[in-house]
Amino acid sequence: MSVILKLDIPEGAFSALRKNPSEFANELRLAASVKWYEMGIISQEKAAEIAGLSRTEFIFSLGKFGLSPFQYTIGEIKEELSRE
């Protein structure tokens, strides 16, 4: 099941970004899902679903935003390594 959202976007936004409305909507979904993933609000699986991508496609898309698919801090990695 899906829900249709209506957003009022200034017409100039499409030309400024060189996107048609459909491409803009896809980019918006991806950008939102990447940000929510980065913030730790949603999982990779849920982010991929929101973006309309497979999980693999989403992971590769993270590179476009300069983000790692791994959500570990240096402290968490050190802690995990110290347990071994």
N, C-alpha and C. Protein backbone atom coordinates (compact mmCIF):
# COMPACT_ATOMS: atom_id res chain seq x y z
N MET A 1 0.84 -1.18 0.00
CA MET A 1 0.00 0.00 0.00
C MET A 1 0.89 1.24 0.00
N SER A 2 0.47 2.24 -0.69
CA SER A 2 1.22 3.50 -0.71
C SER A 2 0.25 4.66 -0.56
N VAL A 3 0.82 5.80 -0.21
CA VAL A 3 0.05 7.02 -0.03
C VAL A 3 0.61 8.06 -0.99
N ILE A 4 -0.25 8.82 -1.59
CA ILE A 4 0.18 9.88 -2.50
C ILE A 4 0.19 11.19 -1.72
N LEU A 5 1.34 11.87 -1.75
CA LEU A 5 1.48 13.18 -1.11
C LEU A 5 1.49 14.25 -2.18
N LYS A 6 0.88 15.37 -1.88
CA LYS A 6 0.91 16.49 -2.81
C LYS A 6 1.77 17.57 -2.20
N LEU A 7 2.81 17.99 -2.93
CA LEU A 7 3.69 19.05 -2.48
C LEU A 7 3.63 20.21 -3.46
N ASP A 8 3.59 21.41 -2.94
CA ASP A 8 3.65 22.60 -3.79
C ASP A 8 5.11 23.00 -3.93
N ILE A 9 5.68 22.76 -5.10
CA ILE A 9 7.08 23.06 -5.39
C ILE A 9 7.10 24.18 -6.42
N PRO A 10 7.88 25.23 -6.19
CA PRO A 10 7.96 26.29 -7.20
C PRO A 10 8.43 25.73 -8.54
N GLU A 11 7.80 26.14 -9.61
CA GLU A 11 8.12 25.63 -10.94
C GLU A 11 9.59 25.82 -11.29
N GLY A 12 10.18 26.89 -10.81
CA GLY A 12 11.58 27.17 -11.09
C GLY A 12 12.54 26.15 -10.51
N ALA A 13 12.09 25.40 -9.50
CA ALA A 13 12.96 24.40 -8.88
C ALA A 13 13.35 23.31 -9.87
N PHE A 14 12.45 22.95 -10.74
CA PHE A 14 12.71 21.89 -11.71
C PHE A 14 13.79 22.30 -12.71
N SER A 15 13.68 23.51 -13.22
CA SER A 15 14.68 23.97 -14.19
C SER A 15 16.02 24.24 -13.50
N ALA A 16 15.98 24.76 -12.27
CA ALA A 16 17.21 25.04 -11.55
C ALA A 16 18.00 23.74 -11.30
N LEU A 17 17.28 22.66 -11.05
CA LEU A 17 17.92 21.37 -10.79
C LEU A 17 18.05 20.51 -12.05
N ARG A 18 17.53 21.05 -13.15
CA ARG A 18 17.53 20.31 -14.43
C ARG A 18 16.87 18.94 -14.30
N LYS A 19 15.72 18.95 -13.65
CA LYS A 19 14.95 17.72 -13.44
C LYS A 19 13.51 17.97 -13.86
N ASN A 20 12.89 16.93 -14.39
CA ASN A 20 11.45 17.03 -14.62
C ASN A 20 10.77 16.63 -13.30
N PRO A 21 9.47 16.86 -13.16
CA PRO A 21 8.81 16.56 -11.88
C PRO A 21 9.00 15.14 -11.38
N SER A 22 8.99 14.17 -12.27
CA SER A 22 9.17 12.78 -11.86
C SER A 22 10.58 12.53 -11.32
N GLU A 23 11.58 13.06 -12.02
CA GLU A 23 12.97 12.92 -11.56
C GLU A 23 13.17 13.64 -10.23
N PHE A 24 12.55 14.82 -10.11
CA PHE A 24 12.63 15.60 -8.87
C PHE A 24 12.05 14.80 -7.71
N ALA A 25 10.90 14.18 -7.92
CA ALA A 25 10.25 13.38 -6.87
C ALA A 25 11.15 12.22 -6.44
N ASN A 26 11.77 11.55 -7.41
CA ASN A 26 12.68 10.44 -7.08
C ASN A 26 13.89 10.92 -6.29
N GLU A 27 14.45 12.07 -6.69
CA GLU A 27 15.60 12.64 -5.98
C GLU A 27 15.21 13.05 -4.56
N LEU A 28 14.02 13.60 -4.41
CA LEU A 28 13.53 14.02 -3.11
C LEU A 28 13.37 12.83 -2.18
N ARG A 29 12.79 11.75 -2.70
CA ARG A 29 12.62 10.53 -1.90
C ARG A 29 13.97 9.98 -1.47
N LEU A 30 14.93 9.97 -2.40
CA LEU A 30 16.27 9.45 -2.08
C LEU A 30 16.95 10.33 -1.05
N ALA A 31 16.92 11.64 -1.25
CA ALA A 31 17.59 12.56 -0.32
C ALA A 31 17.00 12.44 1.08
N ALA A 32 15.70 12.36 1.18
CA ALA A 32 15.06 12.23 2.50
C ALA A 32 15.44 10.91 3.15
N SER A 33 15.40 9.82 2.40
CA SER A 33 15.71 8.53 2.99
C SER A 33 17.18 8.45 3.41
N VAL A 34 18.08 9.03 2.62
CA VAL A 34 19.50 9.05 2.98
C VAL A 34 19.70 9.85 4.27
N LYS A 35 19.08 11.00 4.38
CA LYS A 35 19.24 11.83 5.58
C LYS A 35 18.68 11.12 6.80
N TRP A 36 17.51 10.53 6.69
CA TRP A 36 16.92 9.81 7.82
C TRP A 36 17.78 8.62 8.22
N TYR A 37 18.37 7.94 7.24
CA TYR A 37 19.29 6.84 7.53
C TYR A 37 20.53 7.38 8.25
N GLU A 38 21.09 8.47 7.74
CA GLU A 38 22.28 9.08 8.35
C GLU A 38 22.01 9.45 9.80
N MET A 39 20.82 9.94 10.09
CA MET A 39 20.45 10.35 11.44
C MET A 39 20.13 9.16 12.35
N GLY A 40 20.07 7.96 11.78
CA GLY A 40 19.77 6.76 12.57
C GLY A 40 18.30 6.59 12.86
N ILE A 41 17.45 7.30 12.14
CA ILE A 41 16.00 7.23 12.37
C ILE A 41 15.40 5.98 11.73
N ILE A 42 15.94 5.59 10.57
CA ILE A 42 15.42 4.42 9.85
C ILE A 42 16.58 3.51 9.45
N SER A 43 16.24 2.26 9.17
CA SER A 43 17.22 1.26 8.75
C SER A 43 17.51 1.39 7.25
N GLN A 44 18.56 0.71 6.80
CA GLN A 44 18.85 0.67 5.37
C GLN A 44 17.67 0.10 4.59
N GLU A 45 17.09 -0.94 5.13
CA GLU A 45 15.97 -1.58 4.44
C GLU A 45 14.79 -0.61 4.26
N LYS A 46 14.45 0.11 5.33
CA LYS A 46 13.33 1.06 5.26
C LYS A 46 13.70 2.23 4.36
N ALA A 47 14.94 2.70 4.44
CA ALA A 47 15.40 3.81 3.60
C ALA A 47 15.31 3.42 2.13
N ALA A 48 15.73 2.21 1.80
CA ALA A 48 15.65 1.73 0.42
C ALA A 48 14.20 1.69 -0.05
N GLU A 49 13.32 1.22 0.81
CA GLU A 49 11.90 1.16 0.47
C GLU A 49 11.34 2.56 0.18
N ILE A 50 11.65 3.52 1.05
CA ILE A 50 11.18 4.89 0.87
C ILE A 50 11.72 5.47 -0.44
N ALA A 51 12.99 5.17 -0.73
CA ALA A 51 13.63 5.70 -1.95
C ALA A 51 13.16 4.99 -3.20
N GLY A 52 12.48 3.86 -3.05
CA GLY A 52 12.03 3.09 -4.21
C GLY A 52 13.16 2.31 -4.86
N LEU A 53 14.14 1.91 -4.05
CA LEU A 53 15.31 1.17 -4.53
C LEU A 53 15.44 -0.16 -3.82
N SER A 54 16.25 -1.05 -4.40
CA SER A 54 16.61 -2.25 -3.66
C SER A 54 17.62 -1.83 -2.59
N ARG A 55 17.85 -2.67 -1.61
CA ARG A 55 18.82 -2.33 -0.57
C ARG A 55 20.21 -2.14 -1.17
N THR A 56 20.58 -2.97 -2.13
CA THR A 56 21.88 -2.85 -2.78
C THR A 56 22.00 -1.51 -3.50
N GLU A 57 20.96 -1.13 -4.24
CA GLU A 57 20.97 0.15 -4.94
C GLU A 57 21.08 1.31 -3.95
N PHE A 58 20.39 1.18 -2.81
CA PHE A 58 20.45 2.24 -1.80
C PHE A 58 21.86 2.37 -1.24
N ILE A 59 22.48 1.24 -0.94
CA ILE A 59 23.85 1.26 -0.39
C ILE A 59 24.79 1.95 -1.37
N PHE A 60 24.68 1.64 -2.65
CA PHE A 60 25.53 2.31 -3.65
C PHE A 60 25.19 3.80 -3.76
N SER A 61 23.93 4.14 -3.56
CA SER A 61 23.52 5.55 -3.62
C SER A 61 24.11 6.37 -2.48
N LEU A 62 24.41 5.73 -1.36
CA LEU A 62 24.99 6.46 -0.23
C LEU A 62 26.30 7.14 -0.62
N GLY A 63 27.06 6.52 -1.51
CA GLY A 63 28.32 7.09 -1.97
C GLY A 63 28.11 8.42 -2.67
N LYS A 64 27.00 8.56 -3.36
CA LYS A 64 26.67 9.81 -4.05
C LYS A 64 26.56 10.97 -3.05
N PHE A 65 26.20 10.64 -1.82
CA PHE A 65 26.05 11.64 -0.76
C PHE A 65 27.25 11.67 0.17
N GLY A 66 28.28 10.88 -0.16
CA GLY A 66 29.49 10.86 0.66
C GLY A 66 29.30 10.17 2.00
N LEU A 67 28.36 9.22 2.06
CA LEU A 67 28.08 8.52 3.31
C LEU A 67 28.49 7.05 3.23
N SER A 68 28.86 6.52 4.36
CA SER A 68 29.21 5.11 4.47
C SER A 68 27.95 4.30 4.77
N PRO A 69 27.88 3.07 4.29
CA PRO A 69 26.74 2.23 4.63
C PRO A 69 26.81 1.70 6.06
N PHE A 70 27.93 1.96 6.74
CA PHE A 70 28.12 1.48 8.11
C PHE A 70 27.82 2.61 9.09
N GLN A 71 27.00 2.32 10.07
CA GLN A 71 26.60 3.34 11.04
C GLN A 71 27.25 3.11 12.40
N TYR A 72 28.55 2.93 12.39
CA TYR A 72 29.27 2.74 13.64
C TYR A 72 30.15 3.95 13.90
N THR A 73 30.21 4.34 15.17
CA THR A 73 31.13 5.41 15.54
C THR A 73 32.49 4.77 15.83
N ILE A 74 33.53 5.58 15.90
CA ILE A 74 34.87 5.08 16.23
C ILE A 74 34.83 4.40 17.60
N GLY A 75 34.13 5.00 18.54
CA GLY A 75 34.01 4.43 19.88
C GLY A 75 33.36 3.06 19.87
N GLU A 76 32.32 2.91 19.08
CA GLU A 76 31.63 1.62 18.99
C GLU A 76 32.54 0.55 18.37
N ILE A 77 33.30 0.94 17.38
CA ILE A 77 34.22 -0.02 16.73
C ILE A 77 35.30 -0.43 17.72
N LYS A 78 35.88 0.52 18.45
CA LYS A 78 36.91 0.22 19.44
C LYS A 78 36.36 -0.70 20.53
N GLU A 79 35.15 -0.39 20.98
CA GLU A 79 34.52 -1.22 22.02
C GLU A 79 34.32 -2.66 21.53
N GLU A 80 33.84 -2.79 20.31
CA GLU A 80 33.62 -4.12 19.77
C GLU A 80 34.93 -4.88 19.61
N LEU A 81 35.96 -4.20 19.15
CA LEU A 81 37.27 -4.84 18.98
C LEU A 81 37.88 -5.23 20.32
N SER A 82 37.63 -4.46 21.36
CA SER A 82 38.20 -4.77 22.68
C SER A 82 37.54 -6.01 23.30
N ARG A 83 36.36 -6.37 22.85
CA ARG A 83 35.66 -7.55 23.36
C ARG A 83 36.19 -8.85 22.77
N GLU A 84 36.99 -8.76 21.71
CA GLU A 84 37.46 -9.97 21.05
C GLU A 84 38.67 -10.54 21.71
